[in-house]
Amino acid sequence: MKQQTWIILTIIFTILIAVFAVINVDSVPVDFLFVETEAPLILVILLSVLLGALLVMGVSFAKFYQLQKQIKQLKADPTLEEEPNQELEDQTVLDHEKKDEQK
């Protein structure tokens, strides 16, 4: 079922892109600082979206690997091992004693 949903969504997305491409075939001027050229509007839009997606993906991967490295460092640090919390244990003992007294 999951595969069928994925295929249907892919087909719908492809049809939308095709319709969008047919509508936006006009040539537009594109200025690259020192060079100006003409390109189809759909090409400009799709390349802009693709470059934006690649940029976001690159930043996400960099953050992911940074967090993975930090996790490895924290797991390897012996000073961060859990120590018993004496205050919490004392409070738990007091709570149990109060419950016993109430019975």
C-alpha atoms as a PDB file:
ATOM      1  CA  MET A   1       0.000   0.000   0.000  1.00  0.00           C
ATOM      2  CA  LYS A   2       2.826   2.369   0.858  1.00  0.00           C
ATOM      3  CA  GLN A   3       4.458   1.712  -2.522  1.00  0.00           C
ATOM      4  CA  GLN A   4       1.205   2.391  -4.393  1.00  0.00           C
ATOM      5  CA  THR A   5       0.731   5.700  -2.605  1.00  0.00           C
ATOM      6  CA  TRP A   6       4.289   6.693  -3.478  1.00  0.00           C
ATOM      7  CA  ILE A   7       3.746   5.812  -7.166  1.00  0.00           C
ATOM      8  CA  ILE A   8       0.456   7.736  -7.334  1.00  0.00           C
ATOM      9  CA  LEU A   9       2.011  10.816  -5.723  1.00  0.00           C
ATOM     10  CA  THR A  10       4.957  10.616  -8.131  1.00  0.00           C
ATOM     11  CA  ILE A  11       2.614  10.445 -11.134  1.00  0.00           C
ATOM     12  CA  ILE A  12       0.566  13.419  -9.885  1.00  0.00           C
ATOM     13  CA  PHE A  13       3.726  15.434  -9.213  1.00  0.00           C
ATOM     14  CA  THR A  14       5.088  14.599 -12.685  1.00  0.00           C
ATOM     15  CA  ILE A  15       1.835  15.687 -14.341  1.00  0.00           C
ATOM     16  CA  LEU A  16       1.871  18.970 -12.401  1.00  0.00           C
ATOM     17  CA  ILE A  17       5.462  19.651 -13.469  1.00  0.00           C
ATOM     18  CA  ALA A  18       4.586  18.876 -17.108  1.00  0.00           C
ATOM     19  CA  VAL A  19       1.619  21.280 -17.034  1.00  0.00           C
ATOM     20  CA  PHE A  20       3.766  23.910 -15.330  1.00  0.00           C
ATOM     21  CA  ALA A  21       6.469  23.456 -18.003  1.00  0.00           C
ATOM     22  CA  VAL A  22       3.983  23.835 -20.864  1.00  0.00           C
ATOM     23  CA  ILE A  23       2.555  27.022 -19.350  1.00  0.00           C
ATOM     24  CA  ASN A  24       5.970  28.634 -18.720  1.00  0.00           C
ATOM     25  CA  VAL A  25       7.813  28.235 -22.040  1.00  0.00           C
ATOM     26  CA  ASP A  26       8.386  31.948 -22.597  1.00  0.00           C
ATOM     27  CA  SER A  27      11.997  33.062 -22.791  1.00  0.00           C
ATOM     28  CA  VAL A  28      13.145  35.487 -20.148  1.00  0.00           C
ATOM     29  CA  PRO A  29      16.393  37.441 -19.822  1.00  0.00           C
ATOM     30  CA  VAL A  30      18.782  36.003 -17.233  1.00  0.00           C
ATOM     31  CA  ASP A  31      21.567  38.260 -15.961  1.00  0.00           C
ATOM     32  CA  PHE A  32      24.728  36.578 -14.588  1.00  0.00           C
ATOM     33  CA  LEU A  33      26.665  39.633 -13.347  1.00  0.00           C
ATOM     34  CA  PHE A  34      28.754  40.107 -16.527  1.00  0.00           C
ATOM     35  CA  VAL A  35      26.738  38.042 -19.025  1.00  0.00           C
ATOM     36  CA  GLU A  36      23.095  38.278 -20.016  1.00  0.00           C
ATOM     37  CA  THR A  37      21.315  35.459 -21.829  1.00  0.00           C
ATOM     38  CA  GLU A  38      17.827  34.265 -22.690  1.00  0.00           C
ATOM     39  CA  ALA A  39      16.417  31.067 -21.153  1.00  0.00           C
ATOM     40  CA  PRO A  40      12.982  29.461 -20.857  1.00  0.00           C
ATOM     41  CA  LEU A  41      11.212  30.505 -17.680  1.00  0.00           C
ATOM     42  CA  ILE A  42      10.576  26.894 -16.631  1.00  0.00           C
ATOM     43  CA  LEU A  43      14.306  26.160 -16.858  1.00  0.00           C
ATOM     44  CA  VAL A  44      15.133  29.162 -14.683  1.00  0.00           C
ATOM     45  CA  ILE A  45      12.509  28.182 -12.105  1.00  0.00           C
ATOM     46  CA  LEU A  46      13.482  24.493 -11.993  1.00  0.00           C
ATOM     47  CA  LEU A  47      17.214  25.241 -11.736  1.00  0.00           C
ATOM     48  CA  SER A  48      16.542  27.727  -8.936  1.00  0.00           C
ATOM     49  CA  VAL A  49      14.456  25.173  -7.045  1.00  0.00           C
ATOM     50  CA  LEU A  50      17.078  22.465  -7.613  1.00  0.00           C
ATOM     51  CA  LEU A  51      19.930  24.678  -6.392  1.00  0.00           C
ATOM     52  CA  GLY A  52      17.893  25.698  -3.347  1.00  0.00           C
ATOM     53  CA  ALA A  53      17.116  22.067  -2.535  1.00  0.00           C
ATOM     54  CA  LEU A  54      20.786  21.106  -2.901  1.00  0.00           C
ATOM     55  CA  LEU A  55      21.792  23.962  -0.608  1.00  0.00           C
ATOM     56  CA  VAL A  56      19.269  22.939   2.054  1.00  0.00           C
ATOM     57  CA  MET A  57      20.309  19.293   1.725  1.00  0.00           C
ATOM     58  CA  GLY A  58      23.987  20.208   2.126  1.00  0.00           C
ATOM     59  CA  VAL A  59      23.329  22.255   5.251  1.00  0.00           C
ATOM     60  CA  SER A  60      21.140  19.476   6.677  1.00  0.00           C
ATOM     61  CA  PHE A  61      23.807  16.823   6.072  1.00  0.00           C
ATOM     62  CA  ALA A  62      26.456  19.036   7.667  1.00  0.00           C
ATOM     63  CA  LYS A  63      24.282  19.501  10.768  1.00  0.00           C
ATOM     64  CA  PHE A  64      23.471  15.764  10.849  1.00  0.00           C
ATOM     65  CA  TYR A  65      27.135  14.754  10.787  1.00  0.00           C
ATOM     66  CA  GLN A  66      27.983  17.402  13.390  1.00  0.00           C
ATOM     67  CA  LEU A  67      25.322  15.979  15.723  1.00  0.00           C
ATOM     68  CA  GLN A  68      26.499  12.402  15.064  1.00  0.00           C
ATOM     69  CA  LYS A  69      30.054  13.423  15.972  1.00  0.00           C
ATOM     70  CA  GLN A  70      28.817  15.093  19.154  1.00  0.00           C
ATOM     71  CA  ILE A  71      26.842  11.965  20.116  1.00  0.00           C
ATOM     72  CA  LYS A  72      29.931   9.779  19.656  1.00  0.00           C
ATOM     73  CA  GLN A  73      31.998  12.150  21.798  1.00  0.00           C
ATOM     74  CA  LEU A  74      29.392  12.182  24.554  1.00  0.00           C
ATOM     75  CA  LYS A  75      29.066   8.396  24.533  1.00  0.00           C
ATOM     76  CA  ALA A  76      32.845   8.029  24.772  1.00  0.00           C
ATOM     77  CA  ASP A  77      33.196  10.508  27.673  1.00  0.00           C
ATOM     78  CA  PRO A  78      33.485   8.485  30.924  1.00  0.00           C
ATOM     79  CA  THR A  79      32.910  11.562  33.093  1.00  0.00           C
ATOM     80  CA  LEU A  80      29.312  11.776  31.899  1.00  0.00           C
ATOM     81  CA  GLU A  81      28.252   8.405  33.243  1.00  0.00           C
ATOM     82  CA  GLU A  82      25.155   8.543  35.361  1.00  0.00           C
ATOM     83  CA  GLU A  83      25.780   8.908  39.045  1.00  0.00           C
ATOM     84  CA  PRO A  84      23.108   8.127  41.603  1.00  0.00           C
ATOM     85  CA  ASN A  85      21.211  11.200  42.683  1.00  0.00           C
ATOM     86  CA  GLN A  86      21.347  11.048  46.477  1.00  0.00           C
ATOM     87  CA  GLU A  87      18.833  13.835  46.968  1.00  0.00           C
ATOM     88  CA  LEU A  88      16.286  12.047  44.789  1.00  0.00           C
ATOM     89  CA  GLU A  89      16.864   8.754  46.594  1.00  0.00           C
ATOM     90  CA  ASP A  90      16.408  10.458  49.985  1.00  0.00           C
ATOM     91  CA  GLN A  91      13.145  12.033  48.816  1.00  0.00           C
ATOM     92  CA  THR A  92      11.906   8.649  47.574  1.00  0.00           C
ATOM     93  CA  VAL A  93      12.701   7.044  50.932  1.00  0.00           C
ATOM     94  CA  LEU A  94      10.858   9.845  52.760  1.00  0.00           C
ATOM     95  CA  ASP A  95       7.841   9.432  50.477  1.00  0.00           C
ATOM     96  CA  HIS A  96       7.713   5.694  51.171  1.00  0.00           C
ATOM     97  CA  GLU A  97       8.026   6.273  54.915  1.00  0.00           C
ATOM     98  CA  LYS A  98       5.132   8.754  54.836  1.00  0.00           C
ATOM     99  CA  LYS A  99       2.967   6.257  52.951  1.00  0.00           C
ATOM    100  CA  ASP A 100       3.806   3.561  55.496  1.00  0.00           C
ATOM    101  CA  GLU A 101       2.879   5.893  58.380  1.00  0.00           C
ATOM    102  CA  GLN A 102      -0.467   6.733  56.766  1.00  0.00           C
ATOM    103  CA  LYS A 103      -1.425   3.055  56.550  1.00  0.00           C
END
